[in-house]
Protein backbone atom coordinates (compact mmCIF):
# COMPACT_ATOMS: atom_id res chain seq x y z
CA MET A 1 -105.65 100.70 175.35
CA ALA A 2 -102.38 101.39 173.50
CA MET A 3 -102.12 104.76 175.22
CA GLN A 4 -102.39 103.09 178.62
CA ASN A 5 -99.68 100.55 177.68
CA ASP A 6 -97.42 103.39 176.51
CA PHE A 7 -97.97 105.16 179.81
CA TRP A 8 -96.84 102.15 181.85
CA ALA A 9 -93.95 101.47 179.49
CA ASP A 10 -92.77 105.05 180.06
CA ILE A 11 -93.08 104.65 183.82
CA LEU A 12 -91.06 101.42 183.74
CA GLY A 13 -88.50 103.05 181.49
CA GLU A 14 -87.89 105.65 184.18
CA ALA A 15 -87.76 103.09 187.01
CA PRO A 16 -85.16 100.42 186.22
CA ARG A 17 -85.44 98.68 189.61
CA GLU A 18 -89.19 98.18 189.14
CA THR A 19 -88.65 97.02 185.57
CA TYR A 20 -86.06 94.49 186.71
CA PHE A 21 -88.09 93.05 189.58
CA GLY A 22 -91.26 93.06 187.48
CA PHE A 23 -89.38 90.99 184.94
CA GLY A 24 -88.35 88.54 187.66
CA ASN A 25 -91.52 86.45 187.50
CA GLN A 26 -90.51 85.32 184.02
CA PHE A 27 -87.25 83.99 185.43
CA THR A 28 -88.16 82.74 188.88
CA GLY A 29 -91.67 81.68 187.90
CA ARG A 30 -94.63 80.72 190.00
CA GLY A 31 -96.21 77.41 190.88
CA PRO A 32 -94.78 73.93 191.46
CA SER A 33 -92.18 74.10 188.70
CA ALA A 34 -90.95 77.53 189.80
CA GLY A 35 -87.33 78.17 190.64
CA GLY A 36 -86.26 77.50 194.18
CA GLN A 37 -85.22 79.95 196.86
CA THR A 38 -81.61 79.90 195.63
CA GLN A 39 -82.72 80.94 192.14
CA ARG A 40 -84.87 83.75 193.55
CA ASN A 41 -81.98 84.97 195.72
CA TYR A 42 -79.63 84.90 192.74
CA PHE A 43 -82.07 87.00 190.72
CA ARG A 44 -82.62 89.42 193.61
CA ASN A 45 -78.87 90.00 194.00
CA GLN A 46 -78.16 90.54 190.30
CA PHE A 47 -79.95 93.88 189.80
CA GLN A 48 -76.91 96.14 190.22
CA PRO A 49 -74.46 94.02 188.17
CA ILE A 50 -77.00 93.71 185.34
CA PHE A 51 -77.92 97.39 185.44
CA ASP A 52 -74.19 98.24 185.36
CA GLU A 53 -73.78 95.93 182.36
CA PHE A 54 -76.66 97.71 180.59
CA ASN A 55 -75.20 101.16 181.32
CA GLY A 56 -71.77 100.03 180.18
CA GLN A 57 -73.19 98.77 176.90
CA LEU A 58 -75.16 102.00 176.46
CA SER A 59 -72.06 104.12 177.12
CA GLN A 60 -69.99 102.06 174.72
CA ASN A 61 -72.60 102.48 171.97
CA ILE A 62 -72.74 106.24 172.53
CA MET A 63 -68.94 106.51 172.41
CA GLN A 64 -69.04 104.68 169.07
CA GLY A 65 -71.30 107.43 167.74
CA GLN A 66 -74.69 105.75 167.94
CA ASP A 67 -77.73 107.89 168.72
CA PRO A 68 -78.56 107.55 172.44
CA PHE A 69 -82.27 107.93 171.72
CA GLN A 70 -82.22 104.96 169.38
CA GLN A 71 -80.65 102.64 171.94
CA GLN A 72 -82.22 99.54 173.39
CA SER A 73 -84.34 100.14 176.50
CA PHE A 74 -83.56 98.42 179.79
CA GLN A 75 -86.72 96.35 179.37
CA GLU A 76 -85.57 95.15 175.94
CA PHE A 77 -82.11 94.43 177.34
CA LEU A 78 -83.66 92.26 180.07
CA GLY A 79 -85.76 90.42 177.50
CA GLU A 80 -82.60 89.30 175.70
CA LEU A 81 -80.60 88.43 178.82
CA PRO A 82 -80.17 84.67 179.34
CA PHE A 83 -80.94 84.56 183.09
CA SER A 84 -81.52 80.81 183.14
CA GLN A 85 -78.25 80.10 181.33
CA ARG A 86 -76.34 82.38 183.68
CA PHE A 87 -77.86 80.66 186.70
CA ALA A 88 -77.21 77.20 185.25
CA SER A 89 -73.54 78.08 184.64
CA LEU A 90 -72.96 78.74 188.34
CA PRO A 91 -71.13 76.06 190.30
CA PRO A 92 -73.47 73.58 192.03
CA SER A 93 -72.66 75.00 195.45
CA MET A 94 -73.94 78.44 194.37
CA ARG A 95 -77.06 76.95 192.78
CA GLY A 96 -78.00 75.21 196.00
CA GLY A 97 -76.97 71.80 194.70
CA GLN A 98 -75.49 68.98 196.69
CA ARG A 99 -71.75 69.49 196.68
CA GLY A 100 -71.13 65.94 197.81
CA ARG A 101 -72.42 64.43 194.59
CA PHE A 102 -69.91 66.27 192.44
CA ALA A 103 -66.90 66.52 194.72
CA PRO A 104 -67.11 64.03 197.56
CA GLN A 105 -65.27 64.88 200.72
CA ALA A 106 -62.05 62.96 201.20
CA ALA A 107 -61.87 61.13 204.49
CA PHE A 108 -58.48 60.90 206.11
CA ARG A 109 -58.17 58.12 208.64
CA PHE A 110 -54.95 57.84 210.55
């Protein structure tokens, strides 16, 4: 069983896009309490910025003299990434919230 798990871990290590979108169910969830469409769209559009962040961190560690083979995998990096906090820190308009509740429109009557 461990050999089979190692096989799939190796496959996912070589396929960052699949690793990222496979990880997505932990963030966007399933069922009635799952994240809404806006949350799923946010997650879907964050692959490249997050992968760039991972590669930047990896490059920085290598330039500081750390062994590249002892670096954190992309899967481990995703496990530590605070997706929910990042999504929650977006302005309400980007989270699909009602803008009117937070910044009501001013009505000008002349």
